[in-house]
């Protein structure tokens, strides 16, 4: 599901990803026939992992 909503990211003015548009993600999950309760339970944790990974990449690539 996380890969399916990769194009539905919320982005800050500076270009940093701030999260997934969970409303869109839930609509997509419903349209795909996924268990909505399971998606609602799991997607926030997946979003947190995504943001953590992106923060690590930013830190590793920070030239300062």
N, C-alpha and C. Protein backbone atom coordinates (compact mmCIF):
# COMPACT_ATOMS: atom_id res chain seq x y z
N UNK A 1 0.82 -1.18 0.00
CA UNK A 1 0.00 0.00 0.00
C UNK A 1 0.87 1.25 0.00
N UNK A 2 1.97 1.21 0.73
CA UNK A 2 2.85 2.38 0.79
C UNK A 2 3.40 2.74 -0.58
N UNK A 3 3.74 1.74 -1.36
CA UNK A 3 4.22 2.02 -2.72
C UNK A 3 3.12 2.60 -3.60
N UNK A 4 1.90 2.17 -3.40
CA UNK A 4 0.79 2.67 -4.21
C UNK A 4 0.49 4.13 -3.94
N UNK A 5 0.78 4.60 -2.73
CA UNK A 5 0.49 6.00 -2.41
C UNK A 5 1.74 6.88 -2.44
N UNK A 6 2.81 6.37 -3.01
CA UNK A 6 4.06 7.13 -3.05
C UNK A 6 3.90 8.47 -3.75
N UNK A 7 2.97 8.58 -4.65
CA UNK A 7 2.72 9.85 -5.34
C UNK A 7 1.80 10.77 -4.57
N UNK A 8 1.35 10.34 -3.42
CA UNK A 8 0.40 11.12 -2.61
C UNK A 8 1.06 11.61 -1.33
N UNK A 9 2.23 12.17 -1.46
CA UNK A 9 2.98 12.65 -0.30
C UNK A 9 2.66 14.11 -0.04
N UNK A 10 2.67 14.47 1.23
CA UNK A 10 2.56 15.88 1.62
C UNK A 10 3.98 16.42 1.70
N UNK A 11 4.20 17.57 1.08
CA UNK A 11 5.55 18.14 0.98
C UNK A 11 5.52 19.57 1.52
N UNK A 12 6.50 19.90 2.35
CA UNK A 12 6.64 21.25 2.90
C UNK A 12 7.18 22.19 1.82
N UNK A 13 7.00 23.49 2.00
CA UNK A 13 7.50 24.45 1.01
C UNK A 13 8.99 24.28 0.68
N UNK A 14 9.80 23.85 1.63
CA UNK A 14 11.22 23.65 1.37
C UNK A 14 11.54 22.35 0.64
N UNK A 15 10.52 21.53 0.40
CA UNK A 15 10.71 20.28 -0.34
C UNK A 15 10.78 19.04 0.53
N UNK A 16 10.76 19.20 1.84
CA UNK A 16 10.82 18.04 2.73
C UNK A 16 9.46 17.33 2.77
N UNK A 17 9.49 16.02 2.73
CA UNK A 17 8.27 15.24 2.82
C UNK A 17 7.80 15.27 4.28
N UNK A 18 6.52 15.60 4.49
CA UNK A 18 5.98 15.68 5.84
C UNK A 18 5.04 14.52 6.16
N UNK A 19 4.72 13.73 5.17
CA UNK A 19 3.85 12.58 5.42
C UNK A 19 3.10 12.16 4.17
N UNK A 20 2.20 11.22 4.39
CA UNK A 20 1.34 10.69 3.33
C UNK A 20 -0.02 11.35 3.45
N UNK A 21 -0.66 11.63 2.36
CA UNK A 21 -2.04 12.10 2.40
C UNK A 21 -2.90 10.89 2.76
N UNK A 22 -3.17 10.74 4.05
CA UNK A 22 -3.86 9.55 4.54
C UNK A 22 -5.29 9.44 4.03
N UNK A 23 -5.94 10.57 3.79
CA UNK A 23 -7.30 10.53 3.24
C UNK A 23 -7.32 9.88 1.87
N UNK A 24 -6.41 10.30 1.02
CA UNK A 24 -6.30 9.70 -0.32
C UNK A 24 -5.92 8.24 -0.21
N UNK A 25 -4.99 7.93 0.69
CA UNK A 25 -4.55 6.55 0.87
C UNK A 25 -5.71 5.65 1.29
N UNK A 26 -6.55 6.14 2.16
CA UNK A 26 -7.69 5.34 2.61
C UNK A 26 -8.69 5.12 1.47
N UNK A 27 -8.92 6.13 0.67
CA UNK A 27 -9.81 5.97 -0.49
C UNK A 27 -9.24 4.95 -1.48
N UNK A 28 -7.93 5.00 -1.69
CA UNK A 28 -7.29 4.04 -2.58
C UNK A 28 -7.41 2.62 -2.03
N UNK A 29 -7.19 2.48 -0.72
CA UNK A 29 -7.29 1.17 -0.09
C UNK A 29 -8.70 0.60 -0.24
N UNK A 30 -9.68 1.45 -0.05
CA UNK A 30 -11.07 1.01 -0.20
C UNK A 30 -11.36 0.60 -1.64
N UNK A 31 -10.90 1.41 -2.60
CA UNK A 31 -11.13 1.11 -4.01
C UNK A 31 -10.44 -0.20 -4.42
N UNK A 32 -9.33 -0.51 -3.78
CA UNK A 32 -8.59 -1.73 -4.09
C UNK A 32 -9.12 -2.95 -3.34
N UNK A 33 -10.10 -2.72 -2.48
CA UNK A 33 -10.71 -3.83 -1.75
C UNK A 33 -9.92 -4.28 -0.54
N UNK A 34 -9.03 -3.43 -0.04
CA UNK A 34 -8.25 -3.78 1.14
C UNK A 34 -9.11 -3.66 2.39
N UNK A 35 -8.70 -4.34 3.44
CA UNK A 35 -9.35 -4.24 4.74
C UNK A 35 -9.05 -2.85 5.30
N UNK A 36 -10.06 -1.99 5.33
CA UNK A 36 -9.86 -0.59 5.71
C UNK A 36 -9.37 -0.47 7.16
N UNK A 37 -9.90 -1.30 8.04
CA UNK A 37 -9.47 -1.24 9.43
C UNK A 37 -7.99 -1.57 9.55
N UNK A 38 -7.54 -2.56 8.81
CA UNK A 38 -6.12 -2.94 8.85
C UNK A 38 -5.25 -1.84 8.27
N UNK A 39 -5.68 -1.26 7.17
CA UNK A 39 -4.91 -0.17 6.55
C UNK A 39 -4.85 1.02 7.50
N UNK A 40 -5.97 1.36 8.11
CA UNK A 40 -6.00 2.49 9.05
C UNK A 40 -5.09 2.24 10.24
N UNK A 41 -4.94 1.01 10.63
CA UNK A 41 -4.08 0.66 11.75
C UNK A 41 -2.60 0.67 11.36
N UNK A 42 -2.28 0.17 10.18
CA UNK A 42 -0.89 -0.02 9.78
C UNK A 42 -0.26 1.17 9.06
N UNK A 43 -1.04 1.91 8.31
CA UNK A 43 -0.47 2.96 7.48
C UNK A 43 0.23 4.06 8.28
N UNK A 44 -0.28 4.50 9.42
CA UNK A 44 0.46 5.51 10.18
C UNK A 44 1.85 5.04 10.61
N UNK A 45 1.98 3.76 10.95
CA UNK A 45 3.31 3.24 11.31
C UNK A 45 4.22 3.17 10.08
N UNK A 46 3.65 2.82 8.95
CA UNK A 46 4.43 2.81 7.71
C UNK A 46 4.88 4.23 7.36
N UNK A 47 3.99 5.19 7.56
CA UNK A 47 4.33 6.59 7.32
C UNK A 47 5.47 7.03 8.24
N UNK A 48 5.41 6.66 9.50
CA UNK A 48 6.46 7.01 10.45
C UNK A 48 7.80 6.41 10.02
N UNK A 49 7.78 5.17 9.56
CA UNK A 49 9.01 4.54 9.07
C UNK A 49 9.56 5.23 7.84
N UNK A 50 8.67 5.63 6.95
CA UNK A 50 9.07 6.36 5.75
C UNK A 50 9.75 7.67 6.13
N UNK A 51 9.13 8.42 7.03
CA UNK A 51 9.69 9.70 7.45
C UNK A 51 11.03 9.53 8.17
N UNK A 52 11.13 8.49 8.97
CA UNK A 52 12.40 8.21 9.66
C UNK A 52 13.50 7.90 8.65
N UNK A 53 13.19 7.08 7.67
CA UNK A 53 14.17 6.74 6.65
C UNK A 53 14.60 7.95 5.83
N UNK A 54 13.64 8.80 5.49
CA UNK A 54 13.98 10.01 4.74
C UNK A 54 14.83 10.95 5.58
N UNK A 55 14.55 11.04 6.88
CA UNK A 55 15.36 11.89 7.76
C UNK A 55 16.79 11.37 7.84
N UNK A 56 16.95 10.06 7.90
CA UNK A 56 18.31 9.49 7.92
C UNK A 56 19.05 9.79 6.63
N UNK A 57 18.36 9.67 5.50
CA UNK A 57 19.00 9.98 4.22
C UNK A 57 19.42 11.43 4.15
N UNK A 58 18.55 12.33 4.63
CA UNK A 58 18.88 13.76 4.65
C UNK A 58 20.12 13.99 5.51
N UNK A 59 20.17 13.36 6.68
CA UNK A 59 21.31 13.54 7.59
C UNK A 59 22.60 13.00 6.97
N UNK A 60 22.52 11.88 6.31
CA UNK A 60 23.71 11.29 5.67
C UNK A 60 24.22 12.12 4.52
N UNK A 61 23.31 12.82 3.83
CA UNK A 61 23.69 13.59 2.65
C UNK A 61 23.87 15.08 2.94
N UNK A 62 23.76 15.47 4.20
CA UNK A 62 23.92 16.87 4.58
C UNK A 62 25.40 17.24 4.52
N UNK A 63 25.77 18.19 3.68
CA UNK A 63 27.19 18.53 3.51
C UNK A 63 27.80 19.25 4.69
N UNK A 64 27.02 19.71 5.66
CA UNK A 64 27.59 20.46 6.78
C UNK A 64 28.10 19.58 7.87
